[in-house]
């Protein structure tokens, strides 16, 4: 019986390693999940903050024109980029007011990609470099 060649052994090990590897999850573009034709301006109270990769999420209660409160989820950039812009995990505080300018999810759920955020007396850009449009307060003329 003949011993397996080095090439066959390397090939077998490579195939085994690839088969055992967990699937990679790709990063989504803005357009894959959010609709540039559905801008939203959300004014509400922060109920929860998730400061984790790949994006932060801020949850807020927003009163609608009918007086009903809707729970919204807004995605921001990743913690590393936000830290470089001066944010910390404590920048957005639960129970505090916030205004988020962004774009609603394509599926119509109360989920948005927050582009510009206003809280604690400051206005900050918090969107990822994901190909999405800018959103912010209306400009004065």
C-alpha atoms as a PDB file:
ATOM      1  CA  UNK A   1       0.000   0.000   0.000  1.00  0.00           C
ATOM      2  CA  UNK A   2       1.259   3.419  -0.933  1.00  0.00           C
ATOM      3  CA  UNK A   3       1.637   6.301   1.604  1.00  0.00           C
ATOM      4  CA  UNK A   4      -0.509   9.363   0.849  1.00  0.00           C
ATOM      5  CA  UNK A   5       1.289  12.238  -0.807  1.00  0.00           C
ATOM      6  CA  UNK A   6       1.923  15.486   1.044  1.00  0.00           C
ATOM      7  CA  UNK A   7      -0.430  17.293  -1.362  1.00  0.00           C
ATOM      8  CA  UNK A   8      -3.259  14.869  -0.601  1.00  0.00           C
ATOM      9  CA  UNK A   9      -2.692  15.239   3.140  1.00  0.00           C
ATOM     10  CA  UNK A  10      -2.670  19.063   2.957  1.00  0.00           C
ATOM     11  CA  UNK A  11      -5.825  19.008   0.834  1.00  0.00           C
ATOM     12  CA  UNK A  12      -7.609  16.728   3.295  1.00  0.00           C
ATOM     13  CA  UNK A  13      -6.639  18.900   6.276  1.00  0.00           C
ATOM     14  CA  UNK A  14      -7.728  22.076   4.449  1.00  0.00           C
ATOM     15  CA  UNK A  15     -11.113  20.605   3.564  1.00  0.00           C
ATOM     16  CA  UNK A  16     -11.628  19.433   7.145  1.00  0.00           C
ATOM     17  CA  UNK A  17     -10.752  22.882   8.531  1.00  0.00           C
ATOM     18  CA  UNK A  18     -13.102  24.668   6.128  1.00  0.00           C
ATOM     19  CA  UNK A  19     -15.934  22.287   6.916  1.00  0.00           C
ATOM     20  CA  UNK A  20     -15.506  22.864  10.658  1.00  0.00           C
ATOM     21  CA  UNK A  21     -15.266  26.669  10.435  1.00  0.00           C
ATOM     22  CA  UNK A  22     -18.327  28.682  11.487  1.00  0.00           C
ATOM     23  CA  UNK A  23     -20.059  30.546   8.682  1.00  0.00           C
ATOM     24  CA  UNK A  24     -18.924  34.116   8.156  1.00  0.00           C
ATOM     25  CA  UNK A  25     -21.557  36.791   8.385  1.00  0.00           C
ATOM     26  CA  UNK A  26     -21.163  39.636   5.957  1.00  0.00           C
ATOM     27  CA  UNK A  27     -21.756  43.237   6.854  1.00  0.00           C
ATOM     28  CA  UNK A  28     -24.890  44.634   5.284  1.00  0.00           C
ATOM     29  CA  UNK A  29     -25.014  47.791   3.252  1.00  0.00           C
ATOM     30  CA  UNK A  30     -27.454  50.559   4.123  1.00  0.00           C
ATOM     31  CA  UNK A  31     -29.626  49.819   1.080  1.00  0.00           C
ATOM     32  CA  UNK A  32     -29.987  46.144   1.975  1.00  0.00           C
ATOM     33  CA  UNK A  33     -31.969  46.900   5.129  1.00  0.00           C
ATOM     34  CA  UNK A  34     -33.015  50.576   5.143  1.00  0.00           C
ATOM     35  CA  UNK A  35     -34.979  52.774   2.736  1.00  0.00           C
ATOM     36  CA  UNK A  36     -33.510  56.151   1.712  1.00  0.00           C
ATOM     37  CA  UNK A  37     -37.034  57.206   0.681  1.00  0.00           C
ATOM     38  CA  UNK A  38     -38.369  56.737   4.230  1.00  0.00           C
ATOM     39  CA  UNK A  39     -36.676  59.406   6.359  1.00  0.00           C
ATOM     40  CA  UNK A  40     -37.730  59.567  10.006  1.00  0.00           C
ATOM     41  CA  UNK A  41     -37.303  62.108  12.766  1.00  0.00           C
ATOM     42  CA  UNK A  42     -37.778  60.410  16.111  1.00  0.00           C
ATOM     43  CA  UNK A  43     -38.114  62.353  19.355  1.00  0.00           C
ATOM     44  CA  UNK A  44     -38.403  60.145  22.384  1.00  0.00           C
ATOM     45  CA  UNK A  45     -37.001  58.768  25.594  1.00  0.00           C
ATOM     46  CA  UNK A  46     -34.169  56.240  25.661  1.00  0.00           C
ATOM     47  CA  UNK A  47     -35.268  52.900  27.128  1.00  0.00           C
ATOM     48  CA  UNK A  48     -32.175  50.772  26.443  1.00  0.00           C
ATOM     49  CA  UNK A  49     -28.682  51.030  24.954  1.00  0.00           C
ATOM     50  CA  UNK A  50     -26.679  48.117  23.504  1.00  0.00           C
ATOM     51  CA  UNK A  51     -23.033  49.126  23.090  1.00  0.00           C
ATOM     52  CA  UNK A  52     -21.611  46.178  21.190  1.00  0.00           C
ATOM     53  CA  UNK A  53     -20.229  45.156  17.817  1.00  0.00           C
ATOM     54  CA  UNK A  54     -21.008  45.259  14.996  1.00  0.00           C
ATOM     55  CA  UNK A  55     -23.310  48.265  15.730  1.00  0.00           C
ATOM     56  CA  UNK A  56     -24.717  50.032  18.743  1.00  0.00           C
ATOM     57  CA  UNK A  57     -28.484  49.960  19.150  1.00  0.00           C
ATOM     58  CA  UNK A  58     -30.545  52.556  20.989  1.00  0.00           C
ATOM     59  CA  UNK A  59     -34.132  51.779  21.899  1.00  0.00           C
ATOM     60  CA  UNK A  60     -36.585  54.605  22.493  1.00  0.00           C
ATOM     61  CA  UNK A  61     -40.245  55.239  23.117  1.00  0.00           C
ATOM     62  CA  UNK A  62     -41.715  57.736  20.666  1.00  0.00           C
ATOM     63  CA  UNK A  63     -45.135  59.345  21.072  1.00  0.00           C
ATOM     64  CA  UNK A  64     -47.038  59.403  17.792  1.00  0.00           C
ATOM     65  CA  UNK A  65     -49.449  62.080  16.587  1.00  0.00           C
ATOM     66  CA  UNK A  66     -52.330  59.921  17.860  1.00  0.00           C
ATOM     67  CA  UNK A  67     -50.867  59.899  21.381  1.00  0.00           C
ATOM     68  CA  UNK A  68     -49.880  56.242  21.169  1.00  0.00           C
ATOM     69  CA  UNK A  69     -46.326  55.334  22.131  1.00  0.00           C
ATOM     70  CA  UNK A  70     -44.279  53.261  19.697  1.00  0.00           C
ATOM     71  CA  UNK A  71     -41.090  51.424  20.624  1.00  0.00           C
ATOM     72  CA  UNK A  72     -38.319  52.117  18.092  1.00  0.00           C
ATOM     73  CA  UNK A  73     -34.918  50.471  17.617  1.00  0.00           C
ATOM     74  CA  UNK A  74     -32.170  52.566  16.015  1.00  0.00           C
ATOM     75  CA  UNK A  75     -28.850  51.315  14.725  1.00  0.00           C
ATOM     76  CA  UNK A  76     -25.705  53.423  14.951  1.00  0.00           C
ATOM     77  CA  UNK A  77     -22.092  52.922  13.949  1.00  0.00           C
ATOM     78  CA  UNK A  78     -19.758  50.459  15.670  1.00  0.00           C
ATOM     79  CA  UNK A  79     -18.387  51.271  19.144  1.00  0.00           C
ATOM     80  CA  UNK A  80     -14.814  51.730  17.896  1.00  0.00           C
ATOM     81  CA  UNK A  81     -15.748  54.446  15.392  1.00  0.00           C
ATOM     82  CA  UNK A  82     -18.055  56.146  17.893  1.00  0.00           C
ATOM     83  CA  UNK A  83     -15.298  56.162  20.515  1.00  0.00           C
ATOM     84  CA  UNK A  84     -13.051  57.946  18.014  1.00  0.00           C
ATOM     85  CA  UNK A  85     -15.803  60.574  17.669  1.00  0.00           C
ATOM     86  CA  UNK A  86     -15.836  61.131  21.440  1.00  0.00           C
ATOM     87  CA  UNK A  87     -18.676  58.824  22.450  1.00  0.00           C
ATOM     88  CA  UNK A  88     -18.520  56.435  25.379  1.00  0.00           C
ATOM     89  CA  UNK A  89     -20.895  53.651  26.331  1.00  0.00           C
ATOM     90  CA  UNK A  90     -22.445  56.138  28.776  1.00  0.00           C
ATOM     91  CA  UNK A  91     -22.996  58.967  26.257  1.00  0.00           C
ATOM     92  CA  UNK A  92     -26.614  57.998  25.617  1.00  0.00           C
ATOM     93  CA  UNK A  93     -28.437  57.564  28.918  1.00  0.00           C
ATOM     94  CA  UNK A  94     -31.556  55.534  29.643  1.00  0.00           C
ATOM     95  CA  UNK A  95     -34.444  57.785  30.663  1.00  0.00           C
ATOM     96  CA  UNK A  96     -33.077  60.820  28.810  1.00  0.00           C
ATOM     97  CA  UNK A  97     -34.592  62.519  25.752  1.00  0.00           C
ATOM     98  CA  UNK A  98     -33.083  61.947  22.325  1.00  0.00           C
ATOM     99  CA  UNK A  99     -33.828  62.974  18.757  1.00  0.00           C
ATOM    100  CA  UNK A 100     -32.678  60.708  15.958  1.00  0.00           C
ATOM    101  CA  UNK A 101     -32.697  61.599  12.263  1.00  0.00           C
ATOM    102  CA  UNK A 102     -32.457  58.529  10.117  1.00  0.00           C
ATOM    103  CA  UNK A 103     -34.196  56.151   7.752  1.00  0.00           C
ATOM    104  CA  UNK A 104     -36.758  53.457   8.443  1.00  0.00           C
ATOM    105  CA  UNK A 105     -36.287  49.783   7.695  1.00  0.00           C
ATOM    106  CA  UNK A 106     -37.440  48.562   4.293  1.00  0.00           C
ATOM    107  CA  UNK A 107     -39.883  46.124   5.905  1.00  0.00           C
ATOM    108  CA  UNK A 108     -41.780  48.990   7.595  1.00  0.00           C
ATOM    109  CA  UNK A 109     -41.002  47.921  11.152  1.00  0.00           C
ATOM    110  CA  UNK A 110     -40.192  50.540  13.793  1.00  0.00           C
ATOM    111  CA  UNK A 111     -36.484  50.091  13.154  1.00  0.00           C
ATOM    112  CA  UNK A 112     -34.221  52.816  11.835  1.00  0.00           C
ATOM    113  CA  UNK A 113     -30.678  53.507  10.841  1.00  0.00           C
ATOM    114  CA  UNK A 114     -29.838  56.594  12.882  1.00  0.00           C
ATOM    115  CA  UNK A 115     -27.616  59.017  11.000  1.00  0.00           C
ATOM    116  CA  UNK A 116     -27.638  62.170  13.175  1.00  0.00           C
ATOM    117  CA  UNK A 117     -28.345  62.046  16.914  1.00  0.00           C
ATOM    118  CA  UNK A 118     -29.208  64.917  19.262  1.00  0.00           C
ATOM    119  CA  UNK A 119     -28.843  64.312  23.003  1.00  0.00           C
ATOM    120  CA  UNK A 120     -27.343  66.002  26.041  1.00  0.00           C
ATOM    121  CA  UNK A 121     -27.195  69.358  24.259  1.00  0.00           C
ATOM    122  CA  UNK A 122     -25.073  68.132  21.369  1.00  0.00           C
ATOM    123  CA  UNK A 123     -25.637  66.989  17.801  1.00  0.00           C
ATOM    124  CA  UNK A 124     -23.461  64.130  16.576  1.00  0.00           C
ATOM    125  CA  UNK A 125     -23.148  62.079  13.424  1.00  0.00           C
ATOM    126  CA  UNK A 126     -23.338  58.419  14.326  1.00  0.00           C
ATOM    127  CA  UNK A 127     -23.862  56.566  11.080  1.00  0.00           C
ATOM    128  CA  UNK A 128     -21.622  53.887   9.696  1.00  0.00           C
ATOM    129  CA  UNK A 129     -19.770  54.317   6.411  1.00  0.00           C
ATOM    130  CA  UNK A 130     -22.306  52.045   4.758  1.00  0.00           C
ATOM    131  CA  UNK A 131     -23.258  53.940   1.628  1.00  0.00           C
ATOM    132  CA  UNK A 132     -26.374  55.444   3.180  1.00  0.00           C
ATOM    133  CA  UNK A 133     -27.429  59.075   2.789  1.00  0.00           C
ATOM    134  CA  UNK A 134     -26.923  61.740   5.406  1.00  0.00           C
ATOM    135  CA  UNK A 135     -29.856  62.791   7.551  1.00  0.00           C
ATOM    136  CA  UNK A 136     -30.110  65.615   9.976  1.00  0.00           C
ATOM    137  CA  UNK A 137     -32.131  68.523  11.229  1.00  0.00           C
ATOM    138  CA  UNK A 138     -33.724  70.685   8.551  1.00  0.00           C
ATOM    139  CA  UNK A 139     -31.338  73.440   7.437  1.00  0.00           C
ATOM    140  CA  UNK A 140     -32.268  77.065   8.063  1.00  0.00           C
ATOM    141  CA  UNK A 141     -32.277  79.325   5.028  1.00  0.00           C
END
